[in-house]
N, C-alpha and C. Protein backbone atom coordinates (compact mmCIF):
# COMPACT_ATOMS: atom_id res chain seq x y z
N MET A 1 -0.33 6.28 -20.45
CA MET A 1 0.77 5.38 -20.79
C MET A 1 0.52 4.02 -20.15
N PHE A 2 0.86 2.94 -20.87
CA PHE A 2 0.68 1.61 -20.32
C PHE A 2 1.70 1.34 -19.22
N ILE A 3 1.24 0.65 -18.18
CA ILE A 3 2.09 0.35 -17.03
C ILE A 3 3.35 -0.38 -17.46
N SER A 4 3.23 -1.25 -18.44
CA SER A 4 4.37 -2.06 -18.89
C SER A 4 5.49 -1.21 -19.48
N LYS A 5 5.20 0.02 -19.83
CA LYS A 5 6.21 0.91 -20.43
C LYS A 5 6.91 1.77 -19.38
N LEU A 6 6.51 1.65 -18.13
CA LEU A 6 7.06 2.50 -17.08
C LEU A 6 8.32 1.91 -16.47
N GLU A 7 9.17 2.79 -15.97
CA GLU A 7 10.35 2.39 -15.20
C GLU A 7 10.20 3.03 -13.82
N SER A 8 10.09 2.22 -12.79
CA SER A 8 9.75 2.73 -11.46
C SER A 8 10.76 3.75 -10.95
N GLU A 9 12.04 3.57 -11.29
CA GLU A 9 13.07 4.47 -10.77
C GLU A 9 13.03 5.84 -11.41
N ASN A 10 12.28 5.99 -12.51
CA ASN A 10 12.22 7.26 -13.22
C ASN A 10 10.93 8.05 -12.97
N LEU A 11 10.05 7.52 -12.16
CA LEU A 11 8.77 8.18 -11.94
C LEU A 11 8.89 9.40 -11.04
N THR A 12 8.18 10.46 -11.40
CA THR A 12 8.12 11.66 -10.56
C THR A 12 7.07 11.46 -9.47
N VAL A 13 7.05 12.37 -8.51
CA VAL A 13 6.04 12.32 -7.46
C VAL A 13 4.64 12.36 -8.07
N GLN A 14 4.42 13.23 -9.04
CA GLN A 14 3.10 13.34 -9.67
C GLN A 14 2.73 12.06 -10.41
N GLN A 15 3.70 11.46 -11.08
CA GLN A 15 3.42 10.23 -11.81
C GLN A 15 3.10 9.08 -10.87
N MET A 16 3.82 8.97 -9.76
CA MET A 16 3.51 7.94 -8.78
C MET A 16 2.13 8.16 -8.17
N THR A 17 1.81 9.42 -7.91
CA THR A 17 0.49 9.75 -7.38
C THR A 17 -0.59 9.31 -8.35
N ASN A 18 -0.41 9.61 -9.61
CA ASN A 18 -1.42 9.25 -10.61
C ASN A 18 -1.50 7.74 -10.81
N LEU A 19 -0.36 7.06 -10.79
CA LEU A 19 -0.36 5.61 -10.96
C LEU A 19 -1.18 4.92 -9.88
N LEU A 20 -1.02 5.36 -8.65
CA LEU A 20 -1.71 4.68 -7.55
C LEU A 20 -3.11 5.22 -7.24
N PHE A 21 -3.31 6.51 -7.43
CA PHE A 21 -4.53 7.12 -6.90
C PHE A 21 -5.53 7.61 -7.94
N THR A 22 -5.11 7.90 -9.16
CA THR A 22 -6.04 8.44 -10.16
C THR A 22 -7.11 7.41 -10.53
N GLY A 23 -8.35 7.83 -10.49
CA GLY A 23 -9.45 6.94 -10.85
C GLY A 23 -9.87 5.98 -9.75
N ILE A 24 -9.24 6.09 -8.59
CA ILE A 24 -9.60 5.22 -7.46
C ILE A 24 -10.70 5.91 -6.67
N GLU A 25 -11.91 5.79 -7.18
CA GLU A 25 -13.05 6.48 -6.58
C GLU A 25 -14.25 5.55 -6.51
N ASP A 26 -15.03 5.71 -5.48
CA ASP A 26 -16.21 4.88 -5.26
C ASP A 26 -17.33 5.31 -6.20
N ASP A 27 -17.87 4.35 -6.97
CA ASP A 27 -18.97 4.66 -7.89
C ASP A 27 -20.34 4.57 -7.21
N LYS A 28 -20.36 4.20 -5.93
CA LYS A 28 -21.57 4.17 -5.10
C LYS A 28 -22.55 3.06 -5.48
N ASN A 29 -22.16 2.13 -6.33
CA ASN A 29 -23.03 1.02 -6.69
C ASN A 29 -23.17 0.03 -5.54
N THR A 30 -24.25 -0.72 -5.56
CA THR A 30 -24.43 -1.83 -4.63
C THR A 30 -23.87 -3.10 -5.27
N GLY A 31 -23.63 -4.11 -4.44
CA GLY A 31 -23.05 -5.34 -4.96
C GLY A 31 -23.46 -6.56 -4.15
N ASP A 32 -22.84 -7.67 -4.48
CA ASP A 32 -23.13 -8.93 -3.81
C ASP A 32 -22.37 -9.08 -2.50
N CYS A 33 -21.14 -8.54 -2.47
CA CYS A 33 -20.28 -8.78 -1.32
C CYS A 33 -19.24 -7.67 -1.18
N ILE A 34 -18.86 -7.38 0.05
CA ILE A 34 -17.77 -6.46 0.35
C ILE A 34 -16.53 -7.30 0.60
N PHE A 35 -15.49 -7.07 -0.18
CA PHE A 35 -14.25 -7.83 -0.08
C PHE A 35 -13.20 -6.99 0.65
N VAL A 36 -12.69 -7.51 1.76
CA VAL A 36 -11.72 -6.78 2.56
C VAL A 36 -10.40 -7.54 2.60
N ALA A 37 -9.36 -6.94 2.06
CA ALA A 37 -8.03 -7.55 2.11
C ALA A 37 -7.40 -7.25 3.46
N GLY A 38 -6.84 -8.29 4.08
CA GLY A 38 -6.25 -8.12 5.40
C GLY A 38 -4.90 -7.41 5.35
N SER A 39 -4.47 -6.91 6.49
CA SER A 39 -3.16 -6.30 6.67
C SER A 39 -2.92 -6.16 8.17
N SER A 40 -1.74 -5.69 8.53
CA SER A 40 -1.43 -5.54 9.96
C SER A 40 -2.27 -4.44 10.61
N THR A 41 -2.77 -3.51 9.80
CA THR A 41 -3.57 -2.40 10.34
C THR A 41 -5.01 -2.40 9.81
N ALA A 42 -5.45 -3.52 9.24
CA ALA A 42 -6.78 -3.58 8.62
C ALA A 42 -7.90 -3.28 9.61
N VAL A 43 -7.72 -3.67 10.86
CA VAL A 43 -8.75 -3.41 11.87
C VAL A 43 -8.98 -1.92 12.05
N HIS A 44 -7.92 -1.13 11.91
CA HIS A 44 -8.02 0.31 12.17
C HIS A 44 -8.57 1.09 10.98
N TYR A 45 -8.28 0.66 9.76
CA TYR A 45 -8.66 1.45 8.59
C TYR A 45 -9.66 0.74 7.67
N ARG A 46 -9.40 -0.51 7.34
CA ARG A 46 -10.25 -1.20 6.37
C ARG A 46 -11.55 -1.71 6.98
N LEU A 47 -11.49 -2.21 8.21
CA LEU A 47 -12.70 -2.70 8.86
C LEU A 47 -13.77 -1.62 9.02
N PRO A 48 -13.44 -0.43 9.53
CA PRO A 48 -14.47 0.61 9.65
C PRO A 48 -15.13 0.94 8.31
N LYS A 49 -14.34 0.95 7.23
CA LYS A 49 -14.90 1.23 5.91
C LYS A 49 -15.87 0.14 5.50
N ALA A 50 -15.51 -1.12 5.73
CA ALA A 50 -16.38 -2.23 5.38
C ALA A 50 -17.70 -2.18 6.16
N ILE A 51 -17.60 -1.88 7.44
CA ILE A 51 -18.81 -1.80 8.27
C ILE A 51 -19.70 -0.65 7.81
N GLU A 52 -19.08 0.45 7.45
CA GLU A 52 -19.84 1.60 6.93
C GLU A 52 -20.62 1.20 5.67
N LEU A 53 -19.97 0.50 4.76
CA LEU A 53 -20.63 0.07 3.52
C LEU A 53 -21.76 -0.90 3.81
N TYR A 54 -21.51 -1.84 4.72
CA TYR A 54 -22.53 -2.82 5.08
C TYR A 54 -23.75 -2.12 5.68
N LYS A 55 -23.53 -1.20 6.59
CA LYS A 55 -24.64 -0.52 7.25
C LYS A 55 -25.39 0.42 6.31
N GLN A 56 -24.72 0.84 5.24
CA GLN A 56 -25.39 1.64 4.21
C GLN A 56 -26.24 0.78 3.28
N GLY A 57 -26.14 -0.53 3.44
CA GLY A 57 -26.91 -1.44 2.59
C GLY A 57 -26.29 -1.65 1.21
N ARG A 58 -24.99 -1.37 1.10
CA ARG A 58 -24.32 -1.50 -0.21
C ARG A 58 -24.13 -2.96 -0.63
N ALA A 59 -24.03 -3.87 0.34
CA ALA A 59 -23.88 -5.31 0.06
C ALA A 59 -24.31 -6.08 1.30
N PRO A 60 -24.86 -7.30 1.12
CA PRO A 60 -25.38 -8.06 2.26
C PRO A 60 -24.37 -8.91 2.99
N LYS A 61 -23.17 -9.08 2.42
CA LYS A 61 -22.16 -9.93 3.03
C LYS A 61 -20.81 -9.22 3.02
N ILE A 62 -19.95 -9.58 3.99
CA ILE A 62 -18.57 -9.10 4.02
C ILE A 62 -17.65 -10.31 4.01
N LEU A 63 -16.67 -10.30 3.12
CA LEU A 63 -15.65 -11.34 3.08
C LEU A 63 -14.33 -10.77 3.57
N PHE A 64 -13.81 -11.31 4.66
CA PHE A 64 -12.49 -10.92 5.16
C PHE A 64 -11.47 -11.94 4.66
N SER A 65 -10.42 -11.45 4.03
CA SER A 65 -9.40 -12.32 3.44
C SER A 65 -8.04 -12.04 4.04
N GLY A 66 -7.34 -13.09 4.46
CA GLY A 66 -5.99 -12.91 4.98
C GLY A 66 -5.62 -13.97 5.99
N GLY A 67 -4.46 -14.60 5.79
CA GLY A 67 -4.03 -15.66 6.68
C GLY A 67 -2.79 -15.34 7.49
N VAL A 68 -2.26 -14.13 7.34
CA VAL A 68 -1.05 -13.76 8.06
C VAL A 68 -1.36 -13.55 9.55
N LYS A 69 -0.47 -14.02 10.40
CA LYS A 69 -0.58 -13.79 11.84
C LYS A 69 0.44 -12.73 12.22
N TRP A 70 -0.03 -11.52 12.45
CA TRP A 70 0.86 -10.39 12.69
C TRP A 70 1.28 -10.30 14.15
N ASN A 71 2.54 -9.91 14.36
CA ASN A 71 3.06 -9.58 15.70
C ASN A 71 2.82 -10.69 16.72
N GLY A 72 2.99 -11.93 16.26
CA GLY A 72 2.85 -13.05 17.18
C GLY A 72 1.41 -13.38 17.55
N ASN A 73 0.45 -12.76 16.88
CA ASN A 73 -0.95 -13.03 17.19
C ASN A 73 -1.30 -14.47 16.82
N GLY A 74 -2.11 -15.11 17.62
CA GLY A 74 -2.46 -16.50 17.37
C GLY A 74 -3.50 -16.69 16.29
N LEU A 75 -4.17 -15.61 15.89
CA LEU A 75 -5.22 -15.70 14.89
C LEU A 75 -4.78 -15.02 13.58
N PRO A 76 -5.22 -15.55 12.45
CA PRO A 76 -4.93 -14.89 11.17
C PRO A 76 -5.78 -13.63 11.00
N GLU A 77 -5.35 -12.80 10.08
CA GLU A 77 -6.02 -11.51 9.83
C GLU A 77 -7.53 -11.65 9.70
N ALA A 78 -7.96 -12.60 8.88
CA ALA A 78 -9.39 -12.73 8.59
C ALA A 78 -10.21 -12.99 9.85
N MET A 79 -9.68 -13.80 10.75
CA MET A 79 -10.43 -14.13 11.96
C MET A 79 -10.46 -12.97 12.94
N ILE A 80 -9.36 -12.22 13.00
CA ILE A 80 -9.34 -11.02 13.85
C ILE A 80 -10.37 -10.02 13.35
N LEU A 81 -10.42 -9.84 12.04
CA LEU A 81 -11.39 -8.92 11.45
C LEU A 81 -12.82 -9.39 11.70
N LYS A 82 -13.05 -10.68 11.55
CA LYS A 82 -14.39 -11.23 11.80
C LYS A 82 -14.81 -10.98 13.25
N ASN A 83 -13.94 -11.31 14.18
CA ASN A 83 -14.28 -11.16 15.60
C ASN A 83 -14.58 -9.71 15.95
N LYS A 84 -13.79 -8.81 15.42
CA LYS A 84 -14.00 -7.39 15.69
C LYS A 84 -15.30 -6.91 15.05
N ALA A 85 -15.58 -7.38 13.84
CA ALA A 85 -16.81 -6.98 13.16
C ALA A 85 -18.03 -7.45 13.95
N MET A 86 -17.97 -8.67 14.46
CA MET A 86 -19.09 -9.18 15.26
C MET A 86 -19.25 -8.37 16.54
N ALA A 87 -18.13 -8.00 17.14
CA ALA A 87 -18.19 -7.18 18.36
C ALA A 87 -18.82 -5.82 18.08
N LEU A 88 -18.72 -5.38 16.82
CA LEU A 88 -19.29 -4.09 16.43
C LEU A 88 -20.69 -4.23 15.84
N GLY A 89 -21.26 -5.42 15.95
CA GLY A 89 -22.67 -5.59 15.60
C GLY A 89 -22.97 -6.24 14.26
N ILE A 90 -21.96 -6.70 13.54
CA ILE A 90 -22.23 -7.37 12.26
C ILE A 90 -22.61 -8.82 12.55
N PRO A 91 -23.76 -9.30 12.06
CA PRO A 91 -24.18 -10.68 12.33
C PRO A 91 -23.21 -11.69 11.72
N GLU A 92 -22.93 -12.77 12.44
CA GLU A 92 -22.00 -13.78 11.94
C GLU A 92 -22.46 -14.37 10.63
N LYS A 93 -23.77 -14.48 10.42
CA LYS A 93 -24.29 -15.07 9.19
C LYS A 93 -23.96 -14.24 7.95
N ASP A 94 -23.60 -12.99 8.16
CA ASP A 94 -23.27 -12.11 7.04
C ASP A 94 -21.77 -11.96 6.83
N ILE A 95 -20.98 -12.76 7.52
CA ILE A 95 -19.53 -12.67 7.43
C ILE A 95 -18.96 -13.95 6.80
N LEU A 96 -18.11 -13.77 5.80
CA LEU A 96 -17.37 -14.87 5.17
C LEU A 96 -15.90 -14.66 5.49
N THR A 97 -15.13 -15.74 5.58
CA THR A 97 -13.70 -15.60 5.86
C THR A 97 -12.88 -16.51 4.95
N GLU A 98 -11.71 -16.04 4.63
CA GLU A 98 -10.68 -16.79 3.90
C GLU A 98 -9.40 -16.56 4.68
N ASP A 99 -8.86 -17.59 5.33
CA ASP A 99 -7.76 -17.38 6.27
C ASP A 99 -6.49 -18.16 5.90
N GLN A 100 -6.27 -18.37 4.60
CA GLN A 100 -5.07 -19.09 4.16
C GLN A 100 -4.09 -18.21 3.38
N SER A 101 -4.55 -17.15 2.79
CA SER A 101 -3.71 -16.34 1.90
C SER A 101 -2.64 -15.56 2.64
N LEU A 102 -1.50 -15.35 1.96
CA LEU A 102 -0.37 -14.67 2.58
C LEU A 102 0.02 -13.38 1.86
N HIS A 103 -0.61 -13.07 0.73
CA HIS A 103 -0.32 -11.83 0.01
C HIS A 103 -1.49 -11.53 -0.93
N THR A 104 -1.40 -10.43 -1.66
CA THR A 104 -2.52 -9.92 -2.43
C THR A 104 -3.05 -10.92 -3.45
N LEU A 105 -2.18 -11.54 -4.24
CA LEU A 105 -2.64 -12.50 -5.23
C LEU A 105 -3.37 -13.66 -4.56
N GLU A 106 -2.82 -14.16 -3.47
CA GLU A 106 -3.49 -15.26 -2.76
C GLU A 106 -4.80 -14.81 -2.14
N ASN A 107 -4.90 -13.55 -1.71
CA ASN A 107 -6.18 -13.03 -1.23
C ASN A 107 -7.27 -13.29 -2.26
N VAL A 108 -6.95 -12.98 -3.51
CA VAL A 108 -7.92 -13.11 -4.59
C VAL A 108 -8.16 -14.58 -4.94
N LEU A 109 -7.09 -15.33 -5.16
CA LEU A 109 -7.24 -16.72 -5.57
C LEU A 109 -7.95 -17.57 -4.52
N ALA A 110 -7.55 -17.41 -3.27
CA ALA A 110 -8.14 -18.22 -2.20
C ALA A 110 -9.59 -17.83 -1.94
N SER A 111 -9.94 -16.60 -2.25
CA SER A 111 -11.31 -16.13 -2.01
C SER A 111 -12.28 -16.62 -3.08
N LEU A 112 -11.77 -17.04 -4.22
CA LEU A 112 -12.67 -17.51 -5.29
C LEU A 112 -13.52 -18.68 -4.82
N LEU A 113 -12.93 -19.63 -4.10
CA LEU A 113 -13.68 -20.78 -3.63
C LEU A 113 -14.72 -20.37 -2.59
N VAL A 114 -14.34 -19.47 -1.70
CA VAL A 114 -15.28 -18.98 -0.68
C VAL A 114 -16.47 -18.29 -1.34
N LEU A 115 -16.19 -17.44 -2.32
CA LEU A 115 -17.25 -16.73 -3.03
C LEU A 115 -18.13 -17.69 -3.83
N SER A 116 -17.50 -18.69 -4.46
CA SER A 116 -18.27 -19.64 -5.24
C SER A 116 -19.22 -20.44 -4.35
N ARG A 117 -18.74 -20.83 -3.19
CA ARG A 117 -19.60 -21.59 -2.27
C ARG A 117 -20.73 -20.75 -1.72
N ALA A 118 -20.47 -19.48 -1.49
CA ALA A 118 -21.48 -18.60 -0.88
C ALA A 118 -22.50 -18.08 -1.89
N PHE A 119 -22.05 -17.82 -3.12
CA PHE A 119 -22.92 -17.15 -4.09
C PHE A 119 -23.11 -17.91 -5.40
N GLN A 120 -22.18 -18.83 -5.72
CA GLN A 120 -22.03 -19.38 -7.06
C GLN A 120 -21.52 -18.26 -7.97
N LEU A 121 -20.28 -18.41 -8.41
CA LEU A 121 -19.60 -17.33 -9.12
C LEU A 121 -20.36 -16.84 -10.33
N HIS A 122 -21.00 -17.75 -11.06
CA HIS A 122 -21.67 -17.33 -12.29
C HIS A 122 -22.87 -16.42 -12.01
N GLN A 123 -23.31 -16.36 -10.74
CA GLN A 123 -24.43 -15.49 -10.39
C GLN A 123 -23.98 -14.15 -9.80
N MET A 124 -22.70 -14.01 -9.54
CA MET A 124 -22.20 -12.76 -8.95
C MET A 124 -22.10 -11.68 -10.01
N GLU A 125 -22.44 -10.45 -9.63
CA GLU A 125 -22.39 -9.33 -10.56
C GLU A 125 -21.40 -8.25 -10.15
N ARG A 126 -21.26 -8.01 -8.85
CA ARG A 126 -20.39 -6.91 -8.41
C ARG A 126 -19.82 -7.18 -7.03
N ILE A 127 -18.54 -6.85 -6.87
CA ILE A 127 -17.86 -6.92 -5.58
C ILE A 127 -17.38 -5.53 -5.21
N LEU A 128 -17.61 -5.14 -3.96
CA LEU A 128 -17.09 -3.88 -3.44
C LEU A 128 -15.73 -4.17 -2.80
N ILE A 129 -14.68 -3.54 -3.32
CA ILE A 129 -13.33 -3.81 -2.85
C ILE A 129 -12.95 -2.79 -1.79
N VAL A 130 -12.49 -3.29 -0.64
CA VAL A 130 -12.01 -2.42 0.44
C VAL A 130 -10.55 -2.73 0.73
N THR A 131 -9.72 -1.74 0.56
CA THR A 131 -8.33 -1.77 0.98
C THR A 131 -7.88 -0.32 1.10
N THR A 132 -6.67 -0.10 1.55
CA THR A 132 -6.19 1.27 1.64
C THR A 132 -6.02 1.84 0.23
N ALA A 133 -6.12 3.16 0.12
CA ALA A 133 -6.12 3.80 -1.19
C ALA A 133 -4.86 3.48 -2.00
N TYR A 134 -3.69 3.47 -1.35
CA TYR A 134 -2.45 3.26 -2.10
C TYR A 134 -2.29 1.82 -2.58
N HIS A 135 -3.02 0.88 -1.99
CA HIS A 135 -2.97 -0.53 -2.36
C HIS A 135 -4.07 -0.90 -3.36
N MET A 136 -5.01 0.00 -3.60
CA MET A 136 -6.20 -0.33 -4.38
C MET A 136 -5.87 -0.65 -5.83
N ARG A 137 -4.94 0.07 -6.45
CA ARG A 137 -4.63 -0.20 -7.86
C ARG A 137 -4.18 -1.65 -8.04
N ARG A 138 -3.29 -2.11 -7.19
CA ARG A 138 -2.76 -3.46 -7.33
C ARG A 138 -3.83 -4.51 -7.06
N LEU A 139 -4.63 -4.30 -6.02
CA LEU A 139 -5.68 -5.26 -5.72
C LEU A 139 -6.72 -5.29 -6.83
N HIS A 140 -7.08 -4.12 -7.35
CA HIS A 140 -8.06 -4.06 -8.45
C HIS A 140 -7.53 -4.77 -9.69
N LEU A 141 -6.27 -4.51 -10.05
CA LEU A 141 -5.68 -5.18 -11.20
C LEU A 141 -5.63 -6.70 -10.98
N THR A 142 -5.34 -7.11 -9.76
CA THR A 142 -5.29 -8.54 -9.46
C THR A 142 -6.65 -9.18 -9.63
N MET A 143 -7.69 -8.51 -9.16
CA MET A 143 -9.04 -9.05 -9.30
C MET A 143 -9.47 -9.08 -10.76
N LYS A 144 -9.12 -8.04 -11.52
CA LYS A 144 -9.46 -8.02 -12.94
C LYS A 144 -8.70 -9.09 -13.72
N THR A 145 -7.51 -9.44 -13.25
CA THR A 145 -6.70 -10.45 -13.93
C THR A 145 -7.18 -11.86 -13.63
N TYR A 146 -7.57 -12.13 -12.38
CA TYR A 146 -7.80 -13.51 -11.96
C TYR A 146 -9.26 -13.87 -11.68
N MET A 147 -10.14 -12.89 -11.55
CA MET A 147 -11.54 -13.21 -11.31
C MET A 147 -12.31 -13.24 -12.64
N PRO A 148 -13.45 -13.92 -12.66
CA PRO A 148 -14.24 -13.97 -13.89
C PRO A 148 -14.55 -12.59 -14.43
N ASN A 149 -14.53 -12.46 -15.76
CA ASN A 149 -14.65 -11.13 -16.37
C ASN A 149 -16.06 -10.57 -16.36
N TRP A 150 -17.04 -11.34 -15.93
CA TRP A 150 -18.40 -10.79 -15.84
C TRP A 150 -18.64 -10.10 -14.51
N ILE A 151 -17.72 -10.24 -13.56
CA ILE A 151 -17.88 -9.59 -12.27
C ILE A 151 -17.33 -8.16 -12.34
N ASN A 152 -18.14 -7.20 -11.92
CA ASN A 152 -17.72 -5.80 -11.87
C ASN A 152 -17.22 -5.47 -10.46
N PHE A 153 -16.50 -4.37 -10.37
CA PHE A 153 -15.89 -3.97 -9.10
C PHE A 153 -16.16 -2.51 -8.79
N SER A 154 -16.50 -2.24 -7.54
CA SER A 154 -16.58 -0.87 -7.03
C SER A 154 -15.42 -0.68 -6.07
N LEU A 155 -14.68 0.41 -6.26
CA LEU A 155 -13.49 0.67 -5.46
C LEU A 155 -13.85 1.56 -4.28
N CYS A 156 -13.66 1.04 -3.08
CA CYS A 156 -14.08 1.74 -1.87
C CYS A 156 -12.87 1.89 -0.94
N PRO A 157 -11.99 2.84 -1.25
CA PRO A 157 -10.73 2.95 -0.50
C PRO A 157 -10.92 3.40 0.93
N ALA A 158 -10.14 2.77 1.81
CA ALA A 158 -10.06 3.21 3.20
C ALA A 158 -8.87 4.15 3.30
N ILE A 159 -9.08 5.30 3.87
CA ILE A 159 -8.03 6.32 3.91
C ILE A 159 -7.25 6.25 5.22
N ASP A 160 -5.94 5.98 5.12
CA ASP A 160 -5.13 5.99 6.33
C ASP A 160 -4.57 7.41 6.54
N GLN A 161 -3.77 7.57 7.57
CA GLN A 161 -3.38 8.93 7.96
C GLN A 161 -2.25 9.54 7.12
N ASN A 162 -1.26 8.73 6.74
CA ASN A 162 -0.10 9.35 6.09
C ASN A 162 0.26 8.76 4.74
N THR A 163 -0.69 8.03 4.11
CA THR A 163 -0.45 7.54 2.75
C THR A 163 -1.64 7.88 1.87
N ARG A 164 -2.08 9.13 1.99
CA ARG A 164 -3.16 9.61 1.15
C ARG A 164 -2.60 10.26 -0.12
N LYS A 165 -3.49 10.47 -1.07
CA LYS A 165 -3.09 11.10 -2.33
C LYS A 165 -2.43 12.46 -2.10
N ASP A 166 -2.91 13.18 -1.09
CA ASP A 166 -2.44 14.55 -0.89
C ASP A 166 -1.27 14.69 0.08
N ASN A 167 -0.83 13.56 0.70
CA ASN A 167 0.23 13.75 1.70
C ASN A 167 1.29 12.65 1.74
N TRP A 168 1.21 11.61 0.92
CA TRP A 168 2.15 10.50 1.03
C TRP A 168 3.60 10.93 0.89
N PHE A 169 3.84 11.95 0.08
CA PHE A 169 5.20 12.42 -0.22
C PHE A 169 5.79 13.27 0.89
N ARG A 170 5.01 13.53 1.94
CA ARG A 170 5.48 14.38 3.02
C ARG A 170 6.12 13.61 4.17
N SER A 171 6.06 12.30 4.14
CA SER A 171 6.65 11.50 5.22
C SER A 171 7.52 10.40 4.64
N VAL A 172 8.50 10.00 5.41
CA VAL A 172 9.40 8.92 4.99
C VAL A 172 8.60 7.63 4.80
N GLU A 173 7.71 7.32 5.74
CA GLU A 173 6.92 6.10 5.66
C GLU A 173 6.01 6.11 4.43
N GLY A 174 5.37 7.25 4.19
CA GLY A 174 4.50 7.37 3.02
C GLY A 174 5.26 7.17 1.72
N ARG A 175 6.43 7.76 1.63
CA ARG A 175 7.25 7.60 0.44
C ARG A 175 7.66 6.14 0.22
N LYS A 176 8.06 5.48 1.30
CA LYS A 176 8.46 4.08 1.20
C LYS A 176 7.31 3.22 0.68
N ARG A 177 6.14 3.44 1.23
CA ARG A 177 4.98 2.64 0.83
C ARG A 177 4.63 2.86 -0.64
N VAL A 178 4.57 4.10 -1.04
CA VAL A 178 4.16 4.41 -2.41
C VAL A 178 5.21 3.96 -3.42
N GLU A 179 6.47 4.21 -3.13
CA GLU A 179 7.53 3.79 -4.05
C GLU A 179 7.55 2.27 -4.18
N ALA A 180 7.40 1.55 -3.07
CA ALA A 180 7.39 0.09 -3.11
C ALA A 180 6.18 -0.42 -3.88
N GLU A 181 5.04 0.22 -3.69
CA GLU A 181 3.81 -0.21 -4.36
C GLU A 181 3.91 0.01 -5.87
N CYS A 182 4.43 1.14 -6.28
CA CYS A 182 4.62 1.41 -7.71
C CYS A 182 5.55 0.38 -8.33
N THR A 183 6.63 0.07 -7.64
CA THR A 183 7.59 -0.92 -8.15
C THR A 183 6.95 -2.29 -8.30
N LYS A 184 6.15 -2.70 -7.31
CA LYS A 184 5.49 -4.01 -7.38
C LYS A 184 4.54 -4.07 -8.57
N ILE A 185 3.72 -3.06 -8.74
CA ILE A 185 2.76 -3.06 -9.84
C ILE A 185 3.46 -3.16 -11.18
N ILE A 186 4.47 -2.32 -11.39
CA ILE A 186 5.18 -2.31 -12.66
C ILE A 186 5.86 -3.65 -12.92
N ASN A 187 6.52 -4.20 -11.91
CA ASN A 187 7.20 -5.49 -12.08
C ASN A 187 6.23 -6.62 -12.37
N TYR A 188 5.10 -6.65 -11.67
CA TYR A 188 4.13 -7.71 -11.89
C TYR A 188 3.52 -7.63 -13.28
N VAL A 189 3.25 -6.42 -13.74
CA VAL A 189 2.70 -6.26 -15.09
C VAL A 189 3.72 -6.71 -16.14
N LYS A 190 4.96 -6.31 -15.96
CA LYS A 190 6.00 -6.70 -16.92
C LYS A 190 6.23 -8.21 -16.95
N LYS A 191 6.03 -8.87 -15.83
CA LYS A 191 6.18 -10.33 -15.77
C LYS A 191 4.95 -11.05 -16.32
N GLY A 192 3.88 -10.31 -16.56
CA GLY A 192 2.65 -10.93 -17.04
C GLY A 192 1.75 -11.44 -15.94
N ALA A 193 2.09 -11.12 -14.68
CA ALA A 193 1.28 -11.58 -13.55
C ALA A 193 0.03 -10.73 -13.35
N LEU A 194 0.03 -9.52 -13.88
CA LEU A 194 -1.12 -8.62 -13.82
C LEU A 194 -1.41 -8.08 -15.21
N LYS A 195 -2.68 -7.82 -15.47
CA LYS A 195 -3.07 -7.21 -16.73
C LYS A 195 -2.44 -5.83 -16.87
N ASP A 196 -2.04 -5.51 -18.09
CA ASP A 196 -1.53 -4.18 -18.36
C ASP A 196 -2.70 -3.21 -18.43
N GLU A 197 -2.43 -1.94 -18.17
CA GLU A 197 -3.51 -0.95 -18.19
C GLU A 197 -2.94 0.40 -18.58
N ASP A 198 -3.71 1.16 -19.32
CA ASP A 198 -3.31 2.49 -19.73
C ASP A 198 -3.68 3.48 -18.65
N ILE A 199 -2.68 4.10 -18.05
CA ILE A 199 -2.87 5.02 -16.93
C ILE A 199 -2.49 6.44 -17.36
N LYS A 200 -3.34 7.39 -17.01
CA LYS A 200 -3.02 8.79 -17.29
C LYS A 200 -2.04 9.28 -16.23
N LEU A 201 -0.80 9.52 -16.63
CA LEU A 201 0.24 9.88 -15.66
C LEU A 201 0.45 11.37 -15.53
N SER A 202 -0.04 12.15 -16.48
CA SER A 202 0.15 13.61 -16.41
C SER A 202 -1.20 14.29 -16.43
N ASN A 203 -1.27 15.41 -15.75
CA ASN A 203 -2.52 16.18 -15.67
C ASN A 203 -2.71 17.04 -16.90
């Protein structure tokens, strides 16, 4: 069923699970760059995944995106991620940063200039996307909507503890995250801010 036809308040647990998690799997391809969307917990979940991909040789560069300063921190997300990555052995020459964006759409839009300067967009073929699994559908749709259509994407979800496909519905926090994420995706698609997509909602 197309996302634009959904009503968030009527979705079952299985339908929400399928909307966010079905098809969110790593195809194991290599690419030009690893794209990491920032968050308040990105250092704990998304950064380790990005470093793992880099050390596997999946891409030669990592781009950290995010300008939010969480919990009174003096540095934006992207710079915190960069500093931690360097402390864990990633060479500074292989790290790109975008530190102005304040939400998912801006992560993508603001990163276009960084990517163009580093690679020249017309020469890019594939980006490895790193974010938490429940956020991946929205970030992927955003990239497909706003990035050049010749760029392919590999989805490399970072798995957090209580918002996984198999357990999000077991905790209050997990339910809040998934329900909010489903609502955002459906609303953005209906407004025309994201491309519509046909999602298999039933097994």
